[in-house]
Protein backbone atom coordinates (compact mmCIF):
# COMPACT_ATOMS: atom_id res chain seq x y z
CA MET A 1 7.02 -4.93 -0.84
CA LEU A 2 5.36 -2.71 -3.35
CA ARG A 3 6.01 1.00 -2.81
CA PRO A 4 4.58 3.05 -5.68
CA LYS A 5 6.65 6.07 -6.74
CA GLN A 6 5.36 9.34 -5.31
CA SER A 7 4.63 10.52 -8.89
CA ALA A 8 2.79 7.34 -9.88
CA GLN A 9 -0.80 7.67 -10.99
CA ALA A 10 -3.26 5.46 -9.09
CA TYR A 11 -6.91 4.98 -10.03
CA LEU A 12 -9.13 3.84 -7.14
CA TYR A 13 -12.25 1.92 -8.16
CA MET A 14 -15.00 3.34 -5.94
CA GLU A 15 -17.31 0.34 -5.59
CA PRO A 16 -16.73 -2.87 -3.60
CA VAL A 17 -15.07 -5.63 -5.58
CA ASP A 18 -15.31 -9.40 -5.21
CA MET A 19 -11.69 -10.34 -4.36
CA ARG A 20 -12.08 -13.63 -6.24
CA LYS A 21 -11.58 -11.59 -9.41
CA SER A 22 -8.23 -12.18 -10.98
CA ILE A 23 -6.35 -10.34 -13.74
CA ASP A 24 -8.96 -10.70 -16.46
CA GLY A 25 -11.86 -9.72 -14.19
CA LEU A 26 -10.03 -6.67 -12.83
CA ALA A 27 -8.83 -5.64 -16.30
CA ALA A 28 -12.46 -5.84 -17.50
CA LEU A 29 -13.54 -3.51 -14.69
CA VAL A 30 -10.87 -1.02 -15.75
CA GLU A 31 -11.97 -1.11 -19.41
CA GLN A 32 -15.77 -1.33 -19.01
CA GLU A 33 -16.50 0.51 -15.77
CA MET A 34 -13.65 2.97 -15.53
CA ALA A 35 -13.36 3.53 -19.31
CA LEU A 36 -9.53 3.33 -19.10
CA SER A 37 -6.93 1.09 -20.68
CA PRO A 38 -5.53 -1.44 -18.25
CA ALA A 39 -2.21 -1.15 -20.10
CA LEU A 40 -1.79 2.48 -18.99
CA GLU A 41 1.32 3.28 -16.95
CA ALA A 42 -0.78 3.42 -13.79
CA LEU A 43 -1.96 1.40 -10.82
CA PHE A 44 -5.56 0.30 -10.56
CA VAL A 45 -6.73 -0.18 -6.98
CA PHE A 46 -9.71 -2.29 -5.77
CA CYS A 47 -11.14 -2.86 -2.34
CA ASN A 48 -13.62 -5.38 -0.97
CA ARG A 49 -16.83 -4.56 0.89
CA ASN A 50 -15.33 -5.29 4.32
CA ARG A 51 -12.43 -2.97 3.53
CA ASP A 52 -9.85 -5.48 4.76
CA LYS A 53 -8.49 -6.48 1.35
CA ILE A 54 -6.93 -4.48 -1.50
CA LYS A 55 -5.81 -5.60 -4.94
CA LEU A 56 -3.66 -3.55 -7.29
CA LEU A 57 -3.46 -4.27 -11.00
CA TYR A 58 -0.77 -2.85 -13.23
CA TRP A 59 0.92 -3.51 -16.53
CA GLU A 60 4.68 -4.17 -16.37
CA ARG A 61 6.57 -4.38 -19.69
CA ASN A 62 5.06 -7.58 -21.05
CA GLY A 63 2.35 -8.68 -18.69
CA PHE A 64 -0.06 -7.81 -15.86
CA VAL A 65 0.86 -7.90 -12.18
CA VAL A 66 -1.63 -8.29 -9.33
CA TRP A 67 -0.60 -7.25 -5.81
CA TYR A 68 -2.84 -8.31 -2.97
CA LYS A 69 -2.93 -7.20 0.69
CA ARG A 70 -5.14 -8.59 3.44
CA LEU A 71 -5.39 -6.89 6.83
CA GLU A 72 -5.76 -9.14 9.84
CA LYS A 73 -7.50 -6.77 12.29
CA GLN A 74 -8.00 -3.31 10.89
CA ARG A 75 -9.71 -1.78 7.89
CA PHE A 76 -8.58 0.42 5.01
CA HIS A 77 -10.06 3.91 4.92
CA TRP A 78 -12.13 3.65 1.76
CA MET A 79 -14.94 5.85 0.59
CA TRP A 80 -17.72 4.21 -1.47
CA ALA A 81 -19.26 6.43 -4.09
CA ASP A 82 -22.46 5.86 -6.04
CA GLU A 83 -22.06 8.73 -8.47
CA ILE A 84 -18.51 8.11 -9.69
CA THR A 85 -16.74 4.88 -10.70
CA HIS A 86 -13.21 5.91 -9.91
CA THR A 87 -10.90 8.64 -8.64
CA ALA A 88 -7.29 9.43 -9.54
CA ARG A 89 -4.77 9.70 -6.72
CA SER A 90 -1.01 10.10 -6.48
CA GLY A 91 1.43 7.34 -5.55
CA ARG A 92 2.03 9.24 -2.31
CA GLU A 93 -1.65 9.06 -1.39
CA LEU A 94 -1.81 5.38 -2.32
CA ASN A 95 1.17 4.67 -0.02
CA GLN A 96 -0.65 6.54 2.74
CA LEU A 97 -3.83 4.55 2.13
CA LEU A 98 -1.86 1.28 2.26
CA ASP A 99 -0.24 2.41 5.51
CA GLY A 100 -3.64 2.94 7.13
CA LEU A 101 -4.06 6.71 6.82
CA ASN A 102 -7.34 8.31 5.85
CA ILE A 103 -6.65 10.11 2.55
CA TRP A 104 -10.25 11.26 2.30
CA SER A 105 -10.32 13.54 5.33
CA GLN A 106 -6.93 15.13 5.23
CA LYS A 107 -7.44 18.77 5.89
CA PRO A 108 -4.70 21.35 5.53
CA HIS A 109 -4.08 24.20 7.98
CA GLN A 110 -6.66 26.94 7.75
CA LEU A 111 -5.74 29.70 5.33
CA ILE A 112 -5.06 32.98 7.09
CA GLN A 113 -4.96 36.28 5.20
CA PHE A 114 -3.98 39.64 6.58
CA ASP A 115 -3.09 43.09 5.24
CA SER A 116 -0.26 43.92 7.60
CA ILE A 117 1.92 42.15 10.12
CA THR A 118 2.00 45.18 12.46
């Protein structure tokens, strides 16, 4: 099972992708739409319109690797964006996304400021 390192860089493509695309088609999206090199030391993540399939593309030493996951009943929490083509996320966030967590609406505890504790 693929478990990206916490420090890994992941680029999520923000438009739905036809999952029939293979290495060449996904690499072309990275180059042409995301304006990045598919040979970067990074993971490129793609999701289909139904949000039940994800593909990851990455370069490993001497060739591309494609990792594919299909959910049987649930959906990935994915946010479609018209104004941007991709977003950078950490390996930790990618693992959370793959585990079914919503990385888009994580909200930290409210910031509290005070002058004195007495």
